């Protein structure tokens, strides 16, 4: 495992972090299997774990708390997220910030996270949705400062809405935000335009989420793909999106090097960008952990292949099914 600086925090985090959404209550998730997968990730050097209260109403956080107890002598960085008070995803400018992230709500849910973890603090607390029109509000700003002052958090972050990477830059310029979580992958390269340069200038950590484009960049989707009832992917990969996605995936297949999977190529593409502090693929199974972490070996991709993959940028706009 290779490690990178996490912005201005002074932490050295694993290039391959652990996204814990699928453990919170997705169909076919299994706590025993999740625990074994988490254990294996620690054995292989993973030290950054990203969860949220919304992942099973705290269940994913509790699984992380159990992991911490099993490895009391390891430095494992915990990251979680405060849900919007109106429980609406994504954040929209028409929502009053006082209905989304009032001061007491941010504080109370941070305390809930800490209780679920069974610790006295969470390393990174993030706002789970965002709209930059909320930046001037004193409520979330004061909460971020007070939680740090009281030792409840060590860093404060924001998770950016899908396909809106620039919709956080004003917040970053307040100096209160230490990390930003954003979708970044072979298709979604637009954070490089405006967001990454600001993060570089302000020394803000970048957490790259959705590295496989919700699974399409693993390369096993078909027009007949279906998921268990209640699985979020059924509402995301509606025919309009699924068909278009497959059209973009197919041209990538000839580019996958011999002996490499498309998933590995997708992760290595992200790792070629030094603005990224860590990647958080969702990993529910032991095989996922071992395959994903194996890509953090410092080898990367050739400059030629990286250049070819950059040609597959796909700029998209948020729509009803994309959230």
C-alpha atoms as a PDB file:
ATOM      1  CA  UNK A   1       0.000   0.000   0.000  1.00  0.00           C
ATOM      2  CA  UNK A   2       1.162   3.495  -0.900  1.00  0.00           C
ATOM      3  CA  UNK A   3       0.291   6.529   1.247  1.00  0.00           C
ATOM      4  CA  UNK A   4      -0.370  10.172   0.477  1.00  0.00           C
ATOM      5  CA  UNK A   5      -0.701  13.400   2.479  1.00  0.00           C
ATOM      6  CA  UNK A   6      -4.284  14.208   3.394  1.00  0.00           C
ATOM      7  CA  UNK A   7      -4.257  17.915   2.656  1.00  0.00           C
ATOM      8  CA  UNK A   8      -3.189  20.126   5.531  1.00  0.00           C
ATOM      9  CA  UNK A   9      -4.152  17.667   8.277  1.00  0.00           C
ATOM     10  CA  UNK A  10      -0.721  16.090   8.546  1.00  0.00           C
ATOM     11  CA  UNK A  11      -2.204  12.596   8.078  1.00  0.00           C
ATOM     12  CA  UNK A  12      -0.679  10.021   5.780  1.00  0.00           C
ATOM     13  CA  UNK A  13      -3.592   8.035   4.392  1.00  0.00           C
ATOM     14  CA  UNK A  14      -3.733   4.937   2.240  1.00  0.00           C
ATOM     15  CA  UNK A  15      -4.183   5.622  -1.471  1.00  0.00           C
ATOM     16  CA  UNK A  16      -6.940   3.037  -1.398  1.00  0.00           C
ATOM     17  CA  UNK A  17      -9.499   3.926   1.234  1.00  0.00           C
ATOM     18  CA  UNK A  18     -12.637   2.007   2.091  1.00  0.00           C
ATOM     19  CA  UNK A  19     -16.113   3.148   1.042  1.00  0.00           C
ATOM     20  CA  UNK A  20     -18.650   1.648   3.454  1.00  0.00           C
ATOM     21  CA  UNK A  21     -21.991   2.574   1.890  1.00  0.00           C
ATOM     22  CA  UNK A  22     -22.790  -0.966   0.764  1.00  0.00           C
ATOM     23  CA  UNK A  23     -22.384  -2.269   4.309  1.00  0.00           C
ATOM     24  CA  UNK A  24     -25.040  -0.007   5.721  1.00  0.00           C
ATOM     25  CA  UNK A  25     -28.058  -1.875   4.506  1.00  0.00           C
ATOM     26  CA  UNK A  26     -27.830  -2.660   0.807  1.00  0.00           C
ATOM     27  CA  UNK A  27     -29.627  -5.785  -0.222  1.00  0.00           C
ATOM     28  CA  UNK A  28     -27.439  -8.889   0.113  1.00  0.00           C
ATOM     29  CA  UNK A  29     -25.037  -7.178   2.533  1.00  0.00           C
ATOM     30  CA  UNK A  30     -23.853  -9.420   5.347  1.00  0.00           C
ATOM     31  CA  UNK A  31     -22.277  -8.142   8.570  1.00  0.00           C
ATOM     32  CA  UNK A  32     -19.974 -11.129   9.026  1.00  0.00           C
ATOM     33  CA  UNK A  33     -18.704 -10.837   5.485  1.00  0.00           C
ATOM     34  CA  UNK A  34     -18.319  -7.085   5.925  1.00  0.00           C
ATOM     35  CA  UNK A  35     -16.252  -7.564   9.081  1.00  0.00           C
ATOM     36  CA  UNK A  36     -13.947 -10.057   7.366  1.00  0.00           C
ATOM     37  CA  UNK A  37     -13.482  -7.681   4.443  1.00  0.00           C
ATOM     38  CA  UNK A  38     -12.680  -4.779   6.753  1.00  0.00           C
ATOM     39  CA  UNK A  39     -10.177  -6.898   8.680  1.00  0.00           C
ATOM     40  CA  UNK A  40      -8.440  -7.899   5.479  1.00  0.00           C
ATOM     41  CA  UNK A  41      -8.190  -4.292   4.360  1.00  0.00           C
ATOM     42  CA  UNK A  42      -6.389  -3.376   7.575  1.00  0.00           C
ATOM     43  CA  UNK A  43      -4.017  -6.318   7.119  1.00  0.00           C
ATOM     44  CA  UNK A  44      -3.224  -4.997   3.632  1.00  0.00           C
ATOM     45  CA  UNK A  45      -2.508  -1.453   4.862  1.00  0.00           C
ATOM     46  CA  UNK A  46      -5.791   0.420   4.416  1.00  0.00           C
ATOM     47  CA  UNK A  47      -6.150   3.108   7.077  1.00  0.00           C
ATOM     48  CA  UNK A  48      -8.923   5.407   5.782  1.00  0.00           C
ATOM     49  CA  UNK A  49     -12.574   4.441   6.187  1.00  0.00           C
ATOM     50  CA  UNK A  50     -15.469   6.518   4.888  1.00  0.00           C
ATOM     51  CA  UNK A  51     -18.999   5.995   6.150  1.00  0.00           C
ATOM     52  CA  UNK A  52     -22.101   8.079   6.952  1.00  0.00           C
ATOM     53  CA  UNK A  53     -24.986   8.077   9.376  1.00  0.00           C
ATOM     54  CA  UNK A  54     -27.316   7.646   6.380  1.00  0.00           C
ATOM     55  CA  UNK A  55     -25.698   4.293   5.550  1.00  0.00           C
ATOM     56  CA  UNK A  56     -28.217   2.191   7.428  1.00  0.00           C
ATOM     57  CA  UNK A  57     -29.126   4.858  10.006  1.00  0.00           C
ATOM     58  CA  UNK A  58     -25.790   4.448  11.734  1.00  0.00           C
ATOM     59  CA  UNK A  59     -25.276   0.734  11.060  1.00  0.00           C
ATOM     60  CA  UNK A  60     -22.226   1.235   8.841  1.00  0.00           C
ATOM     61  CA  UNK A  61     -20.730   3.520  11.507  1.00  0.00           C
ATOM     62  CA  UNK A  62     -21.251   0.796  14.095  1.00  0.00           C
ATOM     63  CA  UNK A  63     -19.415  -1.709  11.895  1.00  0.00           C
ATOM     64  CA  UNK A  64     -16.527   0.726  11.701  1.00  0.00           C
ATOM     65  CA  UNK A  65     -16.604   1.153  15.465  1.00  0.00           C
ATOM     66  CA  UNK A  66     -16.278  -2.604  15.896  1.00  0.00           C
ATOM     67  CA  UNK A  67     -13.288  -2.573  13.558  1.00  0.00           C
ATOM     68  CA  UNK A  68     -11.590   0.083  15.676  1.00  0.00           C
ATOM     69  CA  UNK A  69     -12.014  -2.083  18.754  1.00  0.00           C
ATOM     70  CA  UNK A  70     -10.374  -5.021  17.001  1.00  0.00           C
ATOM     71  CA  UNK A  71      -7.301  -2.932  16.127  1.00  0.00           C
ATOM     72  CA  UNK A  72      -6.659  -0.626  19.104  1.00  0.00           C
ATOM     73  CA  UNK A  73      -2.963  -0.268  18.248  1.00  0.00           C
ATOM     74  CA  UNK A  74      -3.505   0.706  14.606  1.00  0.00           C
ATOM     75  CA  UNK A  75      -3.884   4.276  13.355  1.00  0.00           C
ATOM     76  CA  UNK A  76      -7.150   4.098  11.419  1.00  0.00           C
ATOM     77  CA  UNK A  77      -8.726   7.317  10.170  1.00  0.00           C
ATOM     78  CA  UNK A  78     -12.496   7.599  10.477  1.00  0.00           C
ATOM     79  CA  UNK A  79     -14.618   9.733   8.161  1.00  0.00           C
ATOM     80  CA  UNK A  80     -18.382  10.078   8.337  1.00  0.00           C
ATOM     81  CA  UNK A  81     -21.118  12.422   7.178  1.00  0.00           C
ATOM     82  CA  UNK A  82     -23.946  14.459   8.674  1.00  0.00           C
ATOM     83  CA  UNK A  83     -27.206  13.857   6.773  1.00  0.00           C
ATOM     84  CA  UNK A  84     -29.233  16.888   5.659  1.00  0.00           C
ATOM     85  CA  UNK A  85     -31.899  17.735   8.218  1.00  0.00           C
ATOM     86  CA  UNK A  86     -34.578  17.610   5.520  1.00  0.00           C
ATOM     87  CA  UNK A  87     -33.223  14.210   4.389  1.00  0.00           C
ATOM     88  CA  UNK A  88     -33.235  15.275   0.751  1.00  0.00           C
ATOM     89  CA  UNK A  89     -30.436  14.396  -1.650  1.00  0.00           C
ATOM     90  CA  UNK A  90     -28.874  16.305  -3.371  1.00  0.00           C
ATOM     91  CA  UNK A  91     -28.590  19.778  -1.879  1.00  0.00           C
ATOM     92  CA  UNK A  92     -30.403  22.415  -3.892  1.00  0.00           C
ATOM     93  CA  UNK A  93     -30.209  26.213  -3.800  1.00  0.00           C
ATOM     94  CA  UNK A  94     -33.960  26.481  -3.194  1.00  0.00           C
ATOM     95  CA  UNK A  95     -33.547  24.730   0.161  1.00  0.00           C
ATOM     96  CA  UNK A  96     -33.089  27.055   3.128  1.00  0.00           C
ATOM     97  CA  UNK A  97     -29.773  26.209   4.789  1.00  0.00           C
ATOM     98  CA  UNK A  98     -31.552  26.314   8.158  1.00  0.00           C
ATOM     99  CA  UNK A  99     -33.646  23.384   6.968  1.00  0.00           C
ATOM    100  CA  UNK A 100     -30.561  21.450   5.878  1.00  0.00           C
ATOM    101  CA  UNK A 101     -27.622  22.115   8.202  1.00  0.00           C
ATOM    102  CA  UNK A 102     -28.644  24.207  11.208  1.00  0.00           C
ATOM    103  CA  UNK A 103     -25.986  24.440  13.919  1.00  0.00           C
ATOM    104  CA  UNK A 104     -27.535  22.024  16.408  1.00  0.00           C
ATOM    105  CA  UNK A 105     -28.273  19.417  13.755  1.00  0.00           C
ATOM    106  CA  UNK A 106     -24.607  19.290  12.677  1.00  0.00           C
ATOM    107  CA  UNK A 107     -23.500  18.997  16.295  1.00  0.00           C
ATOM    108  CA  UNK A 108     -26.107  16.399  17.249  1.00  0.00           C
ATOM    109  CA  UNK A 109     -25.399  14.085  14.324  1.00  0.00           C
ATOM    110  CA  UNK A 110     -21.668  14.353  14.880  1.00  0.00           C
ATOM    111  CA  UNK A 111     -22.321  13.178  18.439  1.00  0.00           C
ATOM    112  CA  UNK A 112     -24.431  10.301  17.084  1.00  0.00           C
ATOM    113  CA  UNK A 113     -21.569   9.280  14.830  1.00  0.00           C
ATOM    114  CA  UNK A 114     -19.117   9.359  17.724  1.00  0.00           C
ATOM    115  CA  UNK A 115     -21.468   7.207  19.798  1.00  0.00           C
ATOM    116  CA  UNK A 116     -21.799   4.698  16.954  1.00  0.00           C
ATOM    117  CA  UNK A 117     -18.023   4.551  16.597  1.00  0.00           C
ATOM    118  CA  UNK A 118     -17.577   4.064  20.331  1.00  0.00           C
ATOM    119  CA  UNK A 119     -14.826   6.677  20.440  1.00  0.00           C
ATOM    120  CA  UNK A 120     -14.420  10.207  21.789  1.00  0.00           C
ATOM    121  CA  UNK A 121     -14.103  11.794  18.320  1.00  0.00           C
ATOM    122  CA  UNK A 122     -14.399  11.227  14.579  1.00  0.00           C
ATOM    123  CA  UNK A 123     -11.378  12.236  12.525  1.00  0.00           C
ATOM    124  CA  UNK A 124     -13.318  13.777   9.639  1.00  0.00           C
ATOM    125  CA  UNK A 125     -16.968  14.836   9.670  1.00  0.00           C
ATOM    126  CA  UNK A 126     -18.450  15.884   6.345  1.00  0.00           C
ATOM    127  CA  UNK A 127     -21.697  17.495   5.253  1.00  0.00           C
ATOM    128  CA  UNK A 128     -23.404  14.873   3.096  1.00  0.00           C
ATOM    129  CA  UNK A 129     -24.902  17.318   0.572  1.00  0.00           C
ATOM    130  CA  UNK A 130     -24.020  20.851  -0.395  1.00  0.00           C
ATOM    131  CA  UNK A 131     -24.939  23.965  -2.299  1.00  0.00           C
ATOM    132  CA  UNK A 132     -22.485  26.857  -2.342  1.00  0.00           C
ATOM    133  CA  UNK A 133     -25.267  29.383  -1.772  1.00  0.00           C
ATOM    134  CA  UNK A 134     -25.197  28.189   1.854  1.00  0.00           C
ATOM    135  CA  UNK A 135     -21.591  29.261   2.349  1.00  0.00           C
ATOM    136  CA  UNK A 136     -22.261  32.570   4.214  1.00  0.00           C
ATOM    137  CA  UNK A 137     -24.438  30.874   6.854  1.00  0.00           C
ATOM    138  CA  UNK A 138     -22.986  31.132  10.350  1.00  0.00           C
ATOM    139  CA  UNK A 139     -24.656  27.939  11.596  1.00  0.00           C
ATOM    140  CA  UNK A 140     -22.559  25.325   9.819  1.00  0.00           C
ATOM    141  CA  UNK A 141     -19.466  27.507  10.105  1.00  0.00           C
ATOM    142  CA  UNK A 142     -19.814  27.800  13.870  1.00  0.00           C
ATOM    143  CA  UNK A 143     -20.527  24.092  14.197  1.00  0.00           C
ATOM    144  CA  UNK A 144     -17.323  23.240  12.315  1.00  0.00           C
ATOM    145  CA  UNK A 145     -15.288  25.517  14.569  1.00  0.00           C
ATOM    146  CA  UNK A 146     -16.913  24.412  17.818  1.00  0.00           C
ATOM    147  CA  UNK A 147     -16.594  20.703  17.047  1.00  0.00           C
ATOM    148  CA  UNK A 148     -12.900  21.165  16.362  1.00  0.00           C
ATOM    149  CA  UNK A 149     -12.372  23.277  19.462  1.00  0.00           C
ATOM    150  CA  UNK A 150     -14.076  20.664  21.635  1.00  0.00           C
ATOM    151  CA  UNK A 151     -11.982  17.870  20.138  1.00  0.00           C
ATOM    152  CA  UNK A 152     -14.999  16.095  18.646  1.00  0.00           C
ATOM    153  CA  UNK A 153     -13.528  16.238  15.143  1.00  0.00           C
ATOM    154  CA  UNK A 154     -10.043  16.737  13.787  1.00  0.00           C
ATOM    155  CA  UNK A 155     -11.047  17.856  10.320  1.00  0.00           C
ATOM    156  CA  UNK A 156     -14.148  19.135   8.546  1.00  0.00           C
ATOM    157  CA  UNK A 157     -15.244  18.306   5.019  1.00  0.00           C
ATOM    158  CA  UNK A 158     -17.972  18.501   2.401  1.00  0.00           C
ATOM    159  CA  UNK A 159     -19.258  15.833   0.026  1.00  0.00           C
ATOM    160  CA  UNK A 160     -20.128  17.408  -3.314  1.00  0.00           C
ATOM    161  CA  UNK A 161     -23.292  16.708  -5.314  1.00  0.00           C
ATOM    162  CA  UNK A 162     -22.982  14.412  -8.313  1.00  0.00           C
ATOM    163  CA  UNK A 163     -21.591  16.175 -11.389  1.00  0.00           C
ATOM    164  CA  UNK A 164     -21.271  19.538  -9.609  1.00  0.00           C
ATOM    165  CA  UNK A 165     -17.584  19.649  -8.617  1.00  0.00           C
ATOM    166  CA  UNK A 166     -17.369  23.439  -8.718  1.00  0.00           C
ATOM    167  CA  UNK A 167     -20.353  23.755  -6.347  1.00  0.00           C
ATOM    168  CA  UNK A 168     -18.135  23.871  -3.256  1.00  0.00           C
ATOM    169  CA  UNK A 169     -15.380  26.300  -4.136  1.00  0.00           C
ATOM    170  CA  UNK A 170     -16.856  29.218  -2.182  1.00  0.00           C
ATOM    171  CA  UNK A 171     -17.035  27.028   0.912  1.00  0.00           C
ATOM    172  CA  UNK A 172     -13.410  25.970   0.483  1.00  0.00           C
ATOM    173  CA  UNK A 173     -12.353  29.610   0.422  1.00  0.00           C
ATOM    174  CA  UNK A 174     -13.716  30.133   3.966  1.00  0.00           C
ATOM    175  CA  UNK A 175     -10.721  28.163   5.252  1.00  0.00           C
ATOM    176  CA  UNK A 176     -13.003  25.956   7.333  1.00  0.00           C
ATOM    177  CA  UNK A 177     -13.084  22.979   4.958  1.00  0.00           C
ATOM    178  CA  UNK A 178     -10.150  20.563   5.166  1.00  0.00           C
ATOM    179  CA  UNK A 179     -11.388  17.925   2.712  1.00  0.00           C
ATOM    180  CA  UNK A 180     -13.732  17.615  -0.225  1.00  0.00           C
ATOM    181  CA  UNK A 181     -15.302  14.394  -1.470  1.00  0.00           C
ATOM    182  CA  UNK A 182     -16.094  14.355  -5.173  1.00  0.00           C
ATOM    183  CA  UNK A 183     -16.908  11.949  -7.994  1.00  0.00           C
ATOM    184  CA  UNK A 184     -13.784  11.461 -10.093  1.00  0.00           C
ATOM    185  CA  UNK A 185     -13.138   8.663 -12.574  1.00  0.00           C
ATOM    186  CA  UNK A 186     -12.329   7.989 -16.244  1.00  0.00           C
ATOM    187  CA  UNK A 187     -15.643   9.485 -17.323  1.00  0.00           C
ATOM    188  CA  UNK A 188     -15.961  12.231 -14.701  1.00  0.00           C
ATOM    189  CA  UNK A 189     -12.763  14.213 -15.139  1.00  0.00           C
ATOM    190  CA  UNK A 190     -14.295  17.670 -14.732  1.00  0.00           C
ATOM    191  CA  UNK A 191     -13.070  18.184 -11.128  1.00  0.00           C
ATOM    192  CA  UNK A 192      -9.712  18.860 -12.779  1.00  0.00           C
ATOM    193  CA  UNK A 193     -11.034  22.067 -14.366  1.00  0.00           C
ATOM    194  CA  UNK A 194     -11.786  24.241 -11.344  1.00  0.00           C
ATOM    195  CA  UNK A 195     -11.975  22.196  -8.157  1.00  0.00           C
ATOM    196  CA  UNK A 196      -8.582  20.493  -8.079  1.00  0.00           C
ATOM    197  CA  UNK A 197      -6.575  23.700  -8.675  1.00  0.00           C
ATOM    198  CA  UNK A 198      -8.358  25.360  -5.731  1.00  0.00           C
ATOM    199  CA  UNK A 199      -7.752  22.315  -3.532  1.00  0.00           C
ATOM    200  CA  UNK A 200      -4.094  22.423  -4.519  1.00  0.00           C
ATOM    201  CA  UNK A 201      -3.789  26.118  -3.672  1.00  0.00           C
ATOM    202  CA  UNK A 202      -5.560  25.762  -0.315  1.00  0.00           C
ATOM    203  CA  UNK A 203      -4.030  22.368   0.540  1.00  0.00           C
ATOM    204  CA  UNK A 204      -7.473  20.754   0.817  1.00  0.00           C
ATOM    205  CA  UNK A 205      -7.577  16.952   0.727  1.00  0.00           C
ATOM    206  CA  UNK A 206      -9.440  15.266  -2.143  1.00  0.00           C
ATOM    207  CA  UNK A 207     -11.422  12.063  -1.598  1.00  0.00           C
ATOM    208  CA  UNK A 208     -12.304  10.474  -4.935  1.00  0.00           C
ATOM    209  CA  UNK A 209     -15.590   8.619  -4.771  1.00  0.00           C
ATOM    210  CA  UNK A 210     -17.501   6.514  -7.334  1.00  0.00           C
ATOM    211  CA  UNK A 211     -14.279   5.364  -9.045  1.00  0.00           C
ATOM    212  CA  UNK A 212     -16.190   2.744 -11.039  1.00  0.00           C
ATOM    213  CA  UNK A 213     -19.057   5.034 -12.110  1.00  0.00           C
ATOM    214  CA  UNK A 214     -21.463   3.059  -9.881  1.00  0.00           C
ATOM    215  CA  UNK A 215     -20.151  -0.163 -11.411  1.00  0.00           C
ATOM    216  CA  UNK A 216     -20.064   0.554 -15.125  1.00  0.00           C
ATOM    217  CA  UNK A 217     -16.262   0.822 -15.161  1.00  0.00           C
ATOM    218  CA  UNK A 218     -15.945  -2.675 -13.779  1.00  0.00           C
ATOM    219  CA  UNK A 219     -17.061  -3.721 -17.219  1.00  0.00           C
ATOM    220  CA  UNK A 220     -19.745  -6.283 -16.464  1.00  0.00           C
ATOM    221  CA  UNK A 221     -22.933  -4.303 -17.088  1.00  0.00           C
ATOM    222  CA  UNK A 222     -25.301  -5.347 -19.866  1.00  0.00           C
ATOM    223  CA  UNK A 223     -28.659  -4.095 -21.104  1.00  0.00           C
ATOM    224  CA  UNK A 224     -30.216  -6.852 -19.017  1.00  0.00           C
ATOM    225  CA  UNK A 225     -28.498  -5.902 -15.757  1.00  0.00           C
ATOM    226  CA  UNK A 226     -30.846  -5.870 -12.776  1.00  0.00           C
ATOM    227  CA  UNK A 227     -30.364  -5.623  -9.028  1.00  0.00           C
ATOM    228  CA  UNK A 228     -32.294  -6.887  -5.988  1.00  0.00           C
ATOM    229  CA  UNK A 229     -35.523  -5.084  -5.157  1.00  0.00           C
ATOM    230  CA  UNK A 230     -34.763  -1.962  -3.145  1.00  0.00           C
ATOM    231  CA  UNK A 231     -31.206  -1.644  -4.473  1.00  0.00           C
ATOM    232  CA  UNK A 232     -30.413   1.992  -5.330  1.00  0.00           C
ATOM    233  CA  UNK A 233     -28.825   1.025  -8.639  1.00  0.00           C
ATOM    234  CA  UNK A 234     -32.241   0.134 -10.046  1.00  0.00           C
ATOM    235  CA  UNK A 235     -33.224   3.804  -9.834  1.00  0.00           C
ATOM    236  CA  UNK A 236     -29.866   5.033 -11.139  1.00  0.00           C
ATOM    237  CA  UNK A 237     -29.410   2.735 -14.113  1.00  0.00           C
ATOM    238  CA  UNK A 238     -32.762   3.467 -15.691  1.00  0.00           C
ATOM    239  CA  UNK A 239     -32.810   2.580 -19.422  1.00  0.00           C
ATOM    240  CA  UNK A 240     -31.908   6.131 -20.427  1.00  0.00           C
ATOM    241  CA  UNK A 241     -28.759   6.001 -18.324  1.00  0.00           C
ATOM    242  CA  UNK A 242     -27.889   2.332 -18.732  1.00  0.00           C
ATOM    243  CA  UNK A 243     -27.955   2.389 -22.532  1.00  0.00           C
ATOM    244  CA  UNK A 244     -25.907   5.562 -22.761  1.00  0.00           C
ATOM    245  CA  UNK A 245     -23.428   4.251 -20.190  1.00  0.00           C
ATOM    246  CA  UNK A 246     -22.882   1.019 -22.103  1.00  0.00           C
ATOM    247  CA  UNK A 247     -22.177   3.035 -25.245  1.00  0.00           C
ATOM    248  CA  UNK A 248     -19.394   4.836 -23.383  1.00  0.00           C
ATOM    249  CA  UNK A 249     -17.981   1.702 -21.755  1.00  0.00           C
ATOM    250  CA  UNK A 250     -17.587  -0.365 -24.914  1.00  0.00           C
ATOM    251  CA  UNK A 251     -14.820   1.792 -26.480  1.00  0.00           C
ATOM    252  CA  UNK A 252     -12.764   1.304 -23.313  1.00  0.00           C
ATOM    253  CA  UNK A 253     -12.537  -2.462 -23.626  1.00  0.00           C
ATOM    254  CA  UNK A 254      -9.788  -2.508 -26.304  1.00  0.00           C
ATOM    255  CA  UNK A 255      -7.676  -0.218 -24.095  1.00  0.00           C
ATOM    256  CA  UNK A 256      -7.484  -2.593 -21.124  1.00  0.00           C
ATOM    257  CA  UNK A 257      -3.897  -3.927 -20.997  1.00  0.00           C
ATOM    258  CA  UNK A 258      -3.270  -7.660 -21.057  1.00  0.00           C
ATOM    259  CA  UNK A 259      -3.409  -9.112 -17.565  1.00  0.00           C
ATOM    260  CA  UNK A 260      -5.397  -6.165 -16.214  1.00  0.00           C
ATOM    261  CA  UNK A 261      -9.119  -5.797 -15.576  1.00  0.00           C
ATOM    262  CA  UNK A 262     -11.125  -2.727 -16.498  1.00  0.00           C
ATOM    263  CA  UNK A 263     -11.676  -2.079 -12.781  1.00  0.00           C
ATOM    264  CA  UNK A 264      -7.942  -2.058 -12.140  1.00  0.00           C
ATOM    265  CA  UNK A 265      -7.388   0.277 -15.075  1.00  0.00           C
ATOM    266  CA  UNK A 266     -10.061   2.608 -13.689  1.00  0.00           C
ATOM    267  CA  UNK A 267      -8.396   2.799 -10.274  1.00  0.00           C
ATOM    268  CA  UNK A 268      -4.927   3.254 -11.704  1.00  0.00           C
ATOM    269  CA  UNK A 269      -6.170   6.115 -13.874  1.00  0.00           C
ATOM    270  CA  UNK A 270      -7.312   7.971 -10.746  1.00  0.00           C
ATOM    271  CA  UNK A 271      -4.065   7.237  -8.922  1.00  0.00           C
ATOM    272  CA  UNK A 272      -2.135   8.928 -11.725  1.00  0.00           C
ATOM    273  CA  UNK A 273      -3.497  12.257 -10.438  1.00  0.00           C
ATOM    274  CA  UNK A 274      -1.510  13.500  -7.452  1.00  0.00           C
ATOM    275  CA  UNK A 275      -4.303  15.902  -6.483  1.00  0.00           C
ATOM    276  CA  UNK A 276      -6.204  12.866  -5.186  1.00  0.00           C
ATOM    277  CA  UNK A 277      -5.475  12.005  -1.562  1.00  0.00           C
ATOM    278  CA  UNK A 278      -7.393   8.724  -1.419  1.00  0.00           C
ATOM    279  CA  UNK A 279      -9.952   6.702  -3.386  1.00  0.00           C
ATOM    280  CA  UNK A 280     -12.918   5.091  -1.629  1.00  0.00           C
ATOM    281  CA  UNK A 281     -14.314   2.241  -3.718  1.00  0.00           C
ATOM    282  CA  UNK A 282     -17.212   0.426  -2.138  1.00  0.00           C
ATOM    283  CA  UNK A 283     -15.997  -2.972  -0.957  1.00  0.00           C
ATOM    284  CA  UNK A 284     -18.322  -5.545   0.566  1.00  0.00           C
ATOM    285  CA  UNK A 285     -16.433  -8.725  -0.298  1.00  0.00           C
ATOM    286  CA  UNK A 286     -12.976 -10.046   0.480  1.00  0.00           C
ATOM    287  CA  UNK A 287     -12.154 -10.436  -3.207  1.00  0.00           C
ATOM    288  CA  UNK A 288     -13.005  -6.769  -3.838  1.00  0.00           C
ATOM    289  CA  UNK A 289     -10.667  -5.689  -1.046  1.00  0.00           C
ATOM    290  CA  UNK A 290      -7.748  -7.734  -2.305  1.00  0.00           C
ATOM    291  CA  UNK A 291      -8.150  -6.733  -5.951  1.00  0.00           C
ATOM    292  CA  UNK A 292      -8.630  -3.022  -5.289  1.00  0.00           C
ATOM    293  CA  UNK A 293      -5.855  -2.640  -2.747  1.00  0.00           C
ATOM    294  CA  UNK A 294      -3.445  -4.475  -5.049  1.00  0.00           C
ATOM    295  CA  UNK A 295      -3.586  -1.501  -7.427  1.00  0.00           C
ATOM    296  CA  UNK A 296      -1.837   0.688  -4.855  1.00  0.00           C
ATOM    297  CA  UNK A 297       1.639  -0.508  -5.760  1.00  0.00           C
ATOM    298  CA  UNK A 298       3.177   2.652  -7.168  1.00  0.00           C
ATOM    299  CA  UNK A 299       3.181   1.348 -10.754  1.00  0.00           C
ATOM    300  CA  UNK A 300       0.354   3.416 -12.230  1.00  0.00           C
ATOM    301  CA  UNK A 301      -0.345   3.405 -15.973  1.00  0.00           C
ATOM    302  CA  UNK A 302       1.789   4.310 -18.959  1.00  0.00           C
ATOM    303  CA  UNK A 303       1.666   7.915 -20.116  1.00  0.00           C
ATOM    304  CA  UNK A 304       0.334   6.706 -23.456  1.00  0.00           C
ATOM    305  CA  UNK A 305      -2.595   4.812 -21.944  1.00  0.00           C
ATOM    306  CA  UNK A 306      -3.374   7.629 -19.529  1.00  0.00           C
ATOM    307  CA  UNK A 307      -3.570  10.048 -22.455  1.00  0.00           C
ATOM    308  CA  UNK A 308      -5.914   7.719 -24.327  1.00  0.00           C
ATOM    309  CA  UNK A 309      -8.180   7.373 -21.299  1.00  0.00           C
ATOM    310  CA  UNK A 310      -8.371  11.127 -20.929  1.00  0.00           C
ATOM    311  CA  UNK A 311     -10.112  11.192 -24.308  1.00  0.00           C
ATOM    312  CA  UNK A 312     -13.044   9.328 -22.725  1.00  0.00           C
ATOM    313  CA  UNK A 313     -14.109  12.223 -20.524  1.00  0.00           C
ATOM    314  CA  UNK A 314     -17.910  12.377 -20.403  1.00  0.00           C
ATOM    315  CA  UNK A 315     -19.419  15.637 -19.157  1.00  0.00           C
ATOM    316  CA  UNK A 316     -22.884  15.086 -17.688  1.00  0.00           C
ATOM    317  CA  UNK A 317     -25.497  17.269 -16.025  1.00  0.00           C
ATOM    318  CA  UNK A 318     -27.539  16.253 -12.972  1.00  0.00           C
ATOM    319  CA  UNK A 319     -30.997  14.900 -13.725  1.00  0.00           C
ATOM    320  CA  UNK A 320     -33.839  13.211 -11.855  1.00  0.00           C
ATOM    321  CA  UNK A 321     -32.307   9.724 -11.958  1.00  0.00           C
ATOM    322  CA  UNK A 322     -28.728  10.789 -11.267  1.00  0.00           C
ATOM    323  CA  UNK A 323     -29.127  11.449  -7.547  1.00  0.00           C
END
